[in-house]
Amino acid sequence: MLEAVDLECVRGDRPLFSRLSFSLKPGELMHVTGVNGSGKTTLLRTLCGLTRAHAGEIRWLGNAIHKLGDDYRAQLAYIGHANGIQGDLTPVENLHVATSLSGDADHARIGTTLERLGLAAYHHFPSKILSQGQKRRLALARLLVEHKPLWILDEPLSGLDVDSVALMTNILIEHLSQGGMIVITSHQEIDVDTKSILHIRVT
């Protein structure tokens, strides 16, 4: 469903990678690795349509994503390095805003999602009082209250403790088992069924 064909990306005048091709199907996770500065984040932003490729094409359901526009972006959830949280809003308010903007929200799941991620006790407090790990969990909570088949995640496990990493891994497995697709960068191993993992290294 998601394809890259002879993809080439540059930063400024410096080539990052070229002739990168892959195909990601429902139930599969693609783990993107590479040294710092190799272009992992650029690749993810390009897959989201936030950055244009220098050459090559990205396709969704066989169609170029730049032609699909918002119809493609409505199918994906992107979590980058920044959490995208408004500190003066409560966790509940942050999720209401995020899901309302997405156009595909399940407001009824907000309470149960915060409970699952260990944030229910803070639902009436401003998010700025949360620890870094809690803020990351709040950012990741968007994945559970939106219904997007494609998750594009840039270092989602960063700042999480061991228990939170295990919880997030289970959430990834659930999404894959429901036919979802995931593109992820992580310096940590992704402990899911090896049959569903594709490994791409950008250099």
C-alpha atoms as a PDB file:
ATOM      1  CA  MET A   1       0.000   0.000   0.000  1.00  0.00           C
ATOM      2  CA  LEU A   2       2.939   2.363   0.625  1.00  0.00           C
ATOM      3  CA  GLU A   3       5.721   2.313  -1.949  1.00  0.00           C
ATOM      4  CA  ALA A   4       8.911   4.255  -2.564  1.00  0.00           C
ATOM      5  CA  VAL A   5      10.426   4.022  -6.027  1.00  0.00           C
ATOM      6  CA  ASP A   6      14.020   5.141  -6.646  1.00  0.00           C
ATOM      7  CA  LEU A   7      13.727   7.755  -3.926  1.00  0.00           C
ATOM      8  CA  GLU A   8      16.495  10.350  -3.607  1.00  0.00           C
ATOM      9  CA  CYS A   9      16.693  13.001  -0.899  1.00  0.00           C
ATOM     10  CA  VAL A  10      19.144  15.843  -0.372  1.00  0.00           C
ATOM     11  CA  ARG A  11      19.766  18.356   2.409  1.00  0.00           C
ATOM     12  CA  GLY A  12      20.960  21.649   1.021  1.00  0.00           C
ATOM     13  CA  ASP A  13      23.384  20.546  -1.677  1.00  0.00           C
ATOM     14  CA  ARG A  14      24.405  17.319   0.099  1.00  0.00           C
ATOM     15  CA  PRO A  15      22.899  14.020  -1.107  1.00  0.00           C
ATOM     16  CA  LEU A  16      21.530  11.917   1.758  1.00  0.00           C
ATOM     17  CA  PHE A  17      20.509   8.737  -0.051  1.00  0.00           C
ATOM     18  CA  SER A  18      19.451   7.696  -3.539  1.00  0.00           C
ATOM     19  CA  ARG A  19      17.680   4.870  -5.412  1.00  0.00           C
ATOM     20  CA  LEU A  20      15.811   3.823  -2.260  1.00  0.00           C
ATOM     21  CA  SER A  21      12.877   1.546  -3.048  1.00  0.00           C
ATOM     22  CA  PHE A  22      10.573  -0.445  -0.810  1.00  0.00           C
ATOM     23  CA  SER A  23       6.994  -1.656  -0.490  1.00  0.00           C
ATOM     24  CA  LEU A  24       5.127  -1.735   2.832  1.00  0.00           C
ATOM     25  CA  LYS A  25       2.000  -3.860   3.157  1.00  0.00           C
ATOM     26  CA  PRO A  26      -0.725  -4.113   5.827  1.00  0.00           C
ATOM     27  CA  GLY A  27       0.594  -5.780   8.970  1.00  0.00           C
ATOM     28  CA  GLU A  28       4.208  -4.788   8.290  1.00  0.00           C
ATOM     29  CA  LEU A  29       6.635  -2.548  10.165  1.00  0.00           C
ATOM     30  CA  MET A  30       9.621  -0.898   8.516  1.00  0.00           C
ATOM     31  CA  HIS A  31      12.493  -0.136  10.900  1.00  0.00           C
ATOM     32  CA  VAL A  32      14.670   2.655   9.505  1.00  0.00           C
ATOM     33  CA  THR A  33      18.224   2.796  10.846  1.00  0.00           C
ATOM     34  CA  GLY A  34      21.348   4.804  10.105  1.00  0.00           C
ATOM     35  CA  VAL A  35      23.916   7.034  11.758  1.00  0.00           C
ATOM     36  CA  ASN A  36      23.000  10.547  12.914  1.00  0.00           C
ATOM     37  CA  GLY A  37      22.663  12.855   9.938  1.00  0.00           C
ATOM     38  CA  SER A  38      22.156  10.045   7.431  1.00  0.00           C
ATOM     39  CA  GLY A  39      18.641  11.194   6.548  1.00  0.00           C
ATOM     40  CA  LYS A  40      16.278   9.101   8.700  1.00  0.00           C
ATOM     41  CA  THR A  41      14.118  12.043   9.743  1.00  0.00           C
ATOM     42  CA  THR A  42      14.218  13.462   6.215  1.00  0.00           C
ATOM     43  CA  LEU A  43      12.978  10.127   4.878  1.00  0.00           C
ATOM     44  CA  LEU A  44      10.081  10.063   7.342  1.00  0.00           C
ATOM     45  CA  ARG A  45       9.126  13.662   6.589  1.00  0.00           C
ATOM     46  CA  THR A  46       9.262  12.854   2.881  1.00  0.00           C
ATOM     47  CA  LEU A  47       6.967   9.853   3.389  1.00  0.00           C
ATOM     48  CA  CYS A  48       4.534  12.197   5.175  1.00  0.00           C
ATOM     49  CA  GLY A  49       4.596  14.655   2.288  1.00  0.00           C
ATOM     50  CA  LEU A  50       6.168  17.373   4.457  1.00  0.00           C
ATOM     51  CA  THR A  51       9.359  17.366   2.372  1.00  0.00           C
ATOM     52  CA  ARG A  52       9.593  16.801  -1.380  1.00  0.00           C
ATOM     53  CA  ALA A  53      11.975  14.164  -2.686  1.00  0.00           C
ATOM     54  CA  HIS A  54      14.751  15.305  -5.011  1.00  0.00           C
ATOM     55  CA  ALA A  55      13.946  12.380  -7.282  1.00  0.00           C
ATOM     56  CA  GLY A  56      11.793   9.280  -7.295  1.00  0.00           C
ATOM     57  CA  GLU A  57       8.220   8.821  -6.177  1.00  0.00           C
ATOM     58  CA  ILE A  58       6.175   7.793  -3.134  1.00  0.00           C
ATOM     59  CA  ARG A  59       2.901   6.005  -3.830  1.00  0.00           C
ATOM     60  CA  TRP A  60      -0.141   5.188  -1.717  1.00  0.00           C
ATOM     61  CA  LEU A  61      -2.469   2.566  -3.187  1.00  0.00           C
ATOM     62  CA  GLY A  62      -0.573   2.953  -6.435  1.00  0.00           C
ATOM     63  CA  ASN A  63      -1.036   6.721  -6.675  1.00  0.00           C
ATOM     64  CA  ALA A  64       1.636   9.392  -6.206  1.00  0.00           C
ATOM     65  CA  ILE A  65       1.112  11.043  -2.813  1.00  0.00           C
ATOM     66  CA  HIS A  66       1.652  14.568  -4.169  1.00  0.00           C
ATOM     67  CA  LYS A  67      -1.411  14.028  -6.368  1.00  0.00           C
ATOM     68  CA  LEU A  68      -3.503  12.627  -3.512  1.00  0.00           C
ATOM     69  CA  GLY A  69      -2.688  15.546  -1.191  1.00  0.00           C
ATOM     70  CA  ASP A  70      -4.947  15.677   1.870  1.00  0.00           C
ATOM     71  CA  ASP A  71      -6.579  12.365   0.937  1.00  0.00           C
ATOM     72  CA  TYR A  72      -3.233  10.709   1.649  1.00  0.00           C
ATOM     73  CA  ARG A  73      -2.383  12.755   4.745  1.00  0.00           C
ATOM     74  CA  ALA A  74      -5.752  11.771   6.240  1.00  0.00           C
ATOM     75  CA  GLN A  75      -4.529   8.158   6.276  1.00  0.00           C
ATOM     76  CA  LEU A  76      -1.425   8.695   8.410  1.00  0.00           C
ATOM     77  CA  ALA A  77      -0.398   9.692  11.911  1.00  0.00           C
ATOM     78  CA  TYR A  78       3.041  11.300  12.256  1.00  0.00           C
ATOM     79  CA  ILE A  79       4.880  11.680  15.568  1.00  0.00           C
ATOM     80  CA  GLY A  80       8.203  13.465  15.223  1.00  0.00           C
ATOM     81  CA  HIS A  81      10.938  14.394  17.692  1.00  0.00           C
ATOM     82  CA  ALA A  82       8.781  17.195  19.103  1.00  0.00           C
ATOM     83  CA  ASN A  83       5.781  16.051  21.112  1.00  0.00           C
ATOM     84  CA  GLY A  84       3.441  18.700  19.742  1.00  0.00           C
ATOM     85  CA  ILE A  85       1.843  19.325  23.140  1.00  0.00           C
ATOM     86  CA  GLN A  86       0.398  22.620  24.386  1.00  0.00           C
ATOM     87  CA  GLY A  87       1.663  22.962  27.949  1.00  0.00           C
ATOM     88  CA  ASP A  88      -1.239  25.084  29.192  1.00  0.00           C
ATOM     89  CA  LEU A  89      -3.801  22.525  28.043  1.00  0.00           C
ATOM     90  CA  THR A  90      -4.635  19.408  30.013  1.00  0.00           C
ATOM     91  CA  PRO A  91      -3.910  15.961  28.529  1.00  0.00           C
ATOM     92  CA  VAL A  92      -7.620  15.590  27.739  1.00  0.00           C
ATOM     93  CA  GLU A  93      -7.716  18.969  25.999  1.00  0.00           C
ATOM     94  CA  ASN A  94      -4.560  18.202  24.030  1.00  0.00           C
ATOM     95  CA  LEU A  95      -6.064  14.966  22.724  1.00  0.00           C
ATOM     96  CA  HIS A  96      -9.386  16.648  21.929  1.00  0.00           C
ATOM     97  CA  VAL A  97      -7.584  19.289  19.864  1.00  0.00           C
ATOM     98  CA  ALA A  98      -5.348  16.782  18.071  1.00  0.00           C
ATOM     99  CA  THR A  99      -8.140  14.392  17.222  1.00  0.00           C
ATOM    100  CA  SER A 100     -10.543  17.146  16.166  1.00  0.00           C
ATOM    101  CA  LEU A 101      -7.942  18.425  13.704  1.00  0.00           C
ATOM    102  CA  SER A 102      -7.363  14.924  12.351  1.00  0.00           C
ATOM    103  CA  GLY A 103     -10.978  14.550  11.231  1.00  0.00           C
ATOM    104  CA  ASP A 104     -11.034  10.915  12.331  1.00  0.00           C
ATOM    105  CA  ALA A 105     -11.332  10.958  16.092  1.00  0.00           C
ATOM    106  CA  ASP A 106     -12.746   8.714  18.773  1.00  0.00           C
ATOM    107  CA  HIS A 107     -13.307  11.109  21.681  1.00  0.00           C
ATOM    108  CA  ALA A 108     -14.850   8.323  23.761  1.00  0.00           C
ATOM    109  CA  ARG A 109     -11.469   6.580  23.873  1.00  0.00           C
ATOM    110  CA  ILE A 110      -9.572   9.507  25.363  1.00  0.00           C
ATOM    111  CA  GLY A 111     -10.262   8.545  28.983  1.00  0.00           C
ATOM    112  CA  THR A 112      -9.413   4.867  28.512  1.00  0.00           C
ATOM    113  CA  THR A 113      -6.288   5.770  26.539  1.00  0.00           C
ATOM    114  CA  LEU A 114      -4.985   8.066  29.273  1.00  0.00           C
ATOM    115  CA  GLU A 115      -5.682   5.306  31.783  1.00  0.00           C
ATOM    116  CA  ARG A 116      -3.761   2.762  29.726  1.00  0.00           C
ATOM    117  CA  LEU A 117      -0.780   5.074  29.357  1.00  0.00           C
ATOM    118  CA  GLY A 118      -0.655   5.906  33.055  1.00  0.00           C
ATOM    119  CA  LEU A 119      -1.780   9.503  32.639  1.00  0.00           C
ATOM    120  CA  ALA A 120      -5.315   9.387  34.030  1.00  0.00           C
ATOM    121  CA  ALA A 121      -4.274  10.987  37.347  1.00  0.00           C
ATOM    122  CA  TYR A 122      -3.112  14.092  35.441  1.00  0.00           C
ATOM    123  CA  HIS A 123      -6.078  14.562  33.120  1.00  0.00           C
ATOM    124  CA  HIS A 124      -7.177  17.842  34.773  1.00  0.00           C
ATOM    125  CA  PHE A 125      -3.670  19.313  35.215  1.00  0.00           C
ATOM    126  CA  PRO A 126      -1.802  21.409  32.630  1.00  0.00           C
ATOM    127  CA  SER A 127       0.463  19.223  30.544  1.00  0.00           C
ATOM    128  CA  LYS A 128       3.491  21.390  31.316  1.00  0.00           C
ATOM    129  CA  ILE A 129       3.767  19.727  34.742  1.00  0.00           C
ATOM    130  CA  LEU A 130       4.332  16.291  33.171  1.00  0.00           C
ATOM    131  CA  SER A 131       7.771  14.716  33.057  1.00  0.00           C
ATOM    132  CA  GLN A 132       9.493  14.283  29.684  1.00  0.00           C
ATOM    133  CA  GLY A 133       8.528  10.620  29.594  1.00  0.00           C
ATOM    134  CA  GLN A 134       4.912  11.434  30.416  1.00  0.00           C
ATOM    135  CA  LYS A 135       4.811  14.084  27.690  1.00  0.00           C
ATOM    136  CA  ARG A 136       6.097  11.522  25.225  1.00  0.00           C
ATOM    137  CA  ARG A 137       3.385   9.085  26.278  1.00  0.00           C
ATOM    138  CA  LEU A 138       0.789  11.827  25.832  1.00  0.00           C
ATOM    139  CA  ALA A 139       2.066  12.471  22.306  1.00  0.00           C
ATOM    140  CA  LEU A 140       1.865   8.743  21.542  1.00  0.00           C
ATOM    141  CA  ALA A 141      -1.682   8.632  22.957  1.00  0.00           C
ATOM    142  CA  ARG A 142      -2.825  10.280  19.719  1.00  0.00           C
ATOM    143  CA  LEU A 143      -2.199   6.993  17.948  1.00  0.00           C
ATOM    144  CA  LEU A 144      -4.882   5.280  20.019  1.00  0.00           C
ATOM    145  CA  VAL A 145      -7.604   7.910  19.695  1.00  0.00           C
ATOM    146  CA  GLU A 146      -7.185   8.415  15.956  1.00  0.00           C
ATOM    147  CA  HIS A 147      -7.936   5.708  13.406  1.00  0.00           C
ATOM    148  CA  LYS A 148      -5.077   5.906  10.926  1.00  0.00           C
ATOM    149  CA  PRO A 149      -3.788   2.860   9.039  1.00  0.00           C
ATOM    150  CA  LEU A 150      -0.266   4.275   8.576  1.00  0.00           C
ATOM    151  CA  TRP A 151       1.876   5.344  11.542  1.00  0.00           C
ATOM    152  CA  ILE A 152       5.127   7.212  10.835  1.00  0.00           C
ATOM    153  CA  LEU A 153       7.119   7.482  14.065  1.00  0.00           C
ATOM    154  CA  ASP A 154      10.456   9.218  14.600  1.00  0.00           C
ATOM    155  CA  GLU A 155      12.189   7.819  17.706  1.00  0.00           C
ATOM    156  CA  PRO A 156       8.902   7.225  19.561  1.00  0.00           C
ATOM    157  CA  LEU A 157      10.623   5.269  22.357  1.00  0.00           C
ATOM    158  CA  SER A 158      13.012   8.097  23.224  1.00  0.00           C
ATOM    159  CA  GLY A 159      12.676   9.209  26.846  1.00  0.00           C
ATOM    160  CA  LEU A 160      10.521   6.236  27.867  1.00  0.00           C
ATOM    161  CA  ASP A 161      11.335   3.955  30.781  1.00  0.00           C
ATOM    162  CA  VAL A 162      11.476   0.162  30.448  1.00  0.00           C
ATOM    163  CA  ASP A 163       7.811  -0.387  31.327  1.00  0.00           C
ATOM    164  CA  SER A 164       6.674   2.319  28.898  1.00  0.00           C
ATOM    165  CA  VAL A 165       8.789   0.823  26.104  1.00  0.00           C
ATOM    166  CA  ALA A 166       7.131  -2.558  26.723  1.00  0.00           C
ATOM    167  CA  LEU A 167       3.687  -0.930  26.678  1.00  0.00           C
ATOM    168  CA  MET A 168       4.440   0.945  23.471  1.00  0.00           C
ATOM    169  CA  THR A 169       5.749  -2.239  21.857  1.00  0.00           C
ATOM    170  CA  ASN A 170       2.441  -3.952  22.644  1.00  0.00           C
ATOM    171  CA  ILE A 171       0.590  -1.039  21.058  1.00  0.00           C
ATOM    172  CA  LEU A 172       2.688  -1.406  17.906  1.00  0.00           C
ATOM    173  CA  ILE A 173       1.956  -5.138  17.803  1.00  0.00           C
ATOM    174  CA  GLU A 174      -1.780  -4.488  18.177  1.00  0.00           C
ATOM    175  CA  HIS A 175      -1.752  -2.021  15.301  1.00  0.00           C
ATOM    176  CA  LEU A 176       0.057  -4.498  13.048  1.00  0.00           C
ATOM    177  CA  SER A 177      -2.316  -7.305  14.015  1.00  0.00           C
ATOM    178  CA  GLN A 178      -5.234  -5.118  12.899  1.00  0.00           C
ATOM    179  CA  GLY A 179      -3.673  -4.624   9.459  1.00  0.00           C
ATOM    180  CA  GLY A 180      -1.958  -1.327  10.243  1.00  0.00           C
ATOM    181  CA  MET A 181       1.411  -0.277   8.857  1.00  0.00           C
ATOM    182  CA  ILE A 182       4.294   1.381  10.707  1.00  0.00           C
ATOM    183  CA  VAL A 183       7.440   3.194   9.615  1.00  0.00           C
ATOM    184  CA  ILE A 184       9.680   3.819  12.605  1.00  0.00           C
ATOM    185  CA  THR A 185      13.151   5.064  13.453  1.00  0.00           C
ATOM    186  CA  SER A 186      14.604   3.826  16.709  1.00  0.00           C
ATOM    187  CA  HIS A 187      18.041   3.168  18.151  1.00  0.00           C
ATOM    188  CA  GLN A 188      16.402   0.370  20.125  1.00  0.00           C
ATOM    189  CA  GLU A 189      15.415  -3.003  18.741  1.00  0.00           C
ATOM    190  CA  ILE A 190      11.716  -3.307  17.940  1.00  0.00           C
ATOM    191  CA  ASP A 191      10.581  -6.533  19.588  1.00  0.00           C
ATOM    192  CA  VAL A 192       7.749  -7.629  17.315  1.00  0.00           C
ATOM    193  CA  ASP A 193       7.269 -10.718  15.149  1.00  0.00           C
ATOM    194  CA  THR A 194      10.309 -10.787  12.869  1.00  0.00           C
ATOM    195  CA  LYS A 195       8.187 -11.920   9.906  1.00  0.00           C
ATOM    196  CA  SER A 196       6.492  -8.514   9.867  1.00  0.00           C
ATOM    197  CA  ILE A 197       9.626  -6.341  10.030  1.00  0.00           C
ATOM    198  CA  LEU A 198      11.418  -4.788   7.074  1.00  0.00           C
ATOM    199  CA  HIS A 199      14.831  -3.267   7.740  1.00  0.00           C
ATOM    200  CA  ILE A 200      15.980  -0.217   5.780  1.00  0.00           C
ATOM    201  CA  ARG A 201      19.332   1.437   6.476  1.00  0.00           C
ATOM    202  CA  VAL A 202      19.976   4.888   5.063  1.00  0.00           C
ATOM    203  CA  THR A 203      23.604   5.853   4.505  1.00  0.00           C
END
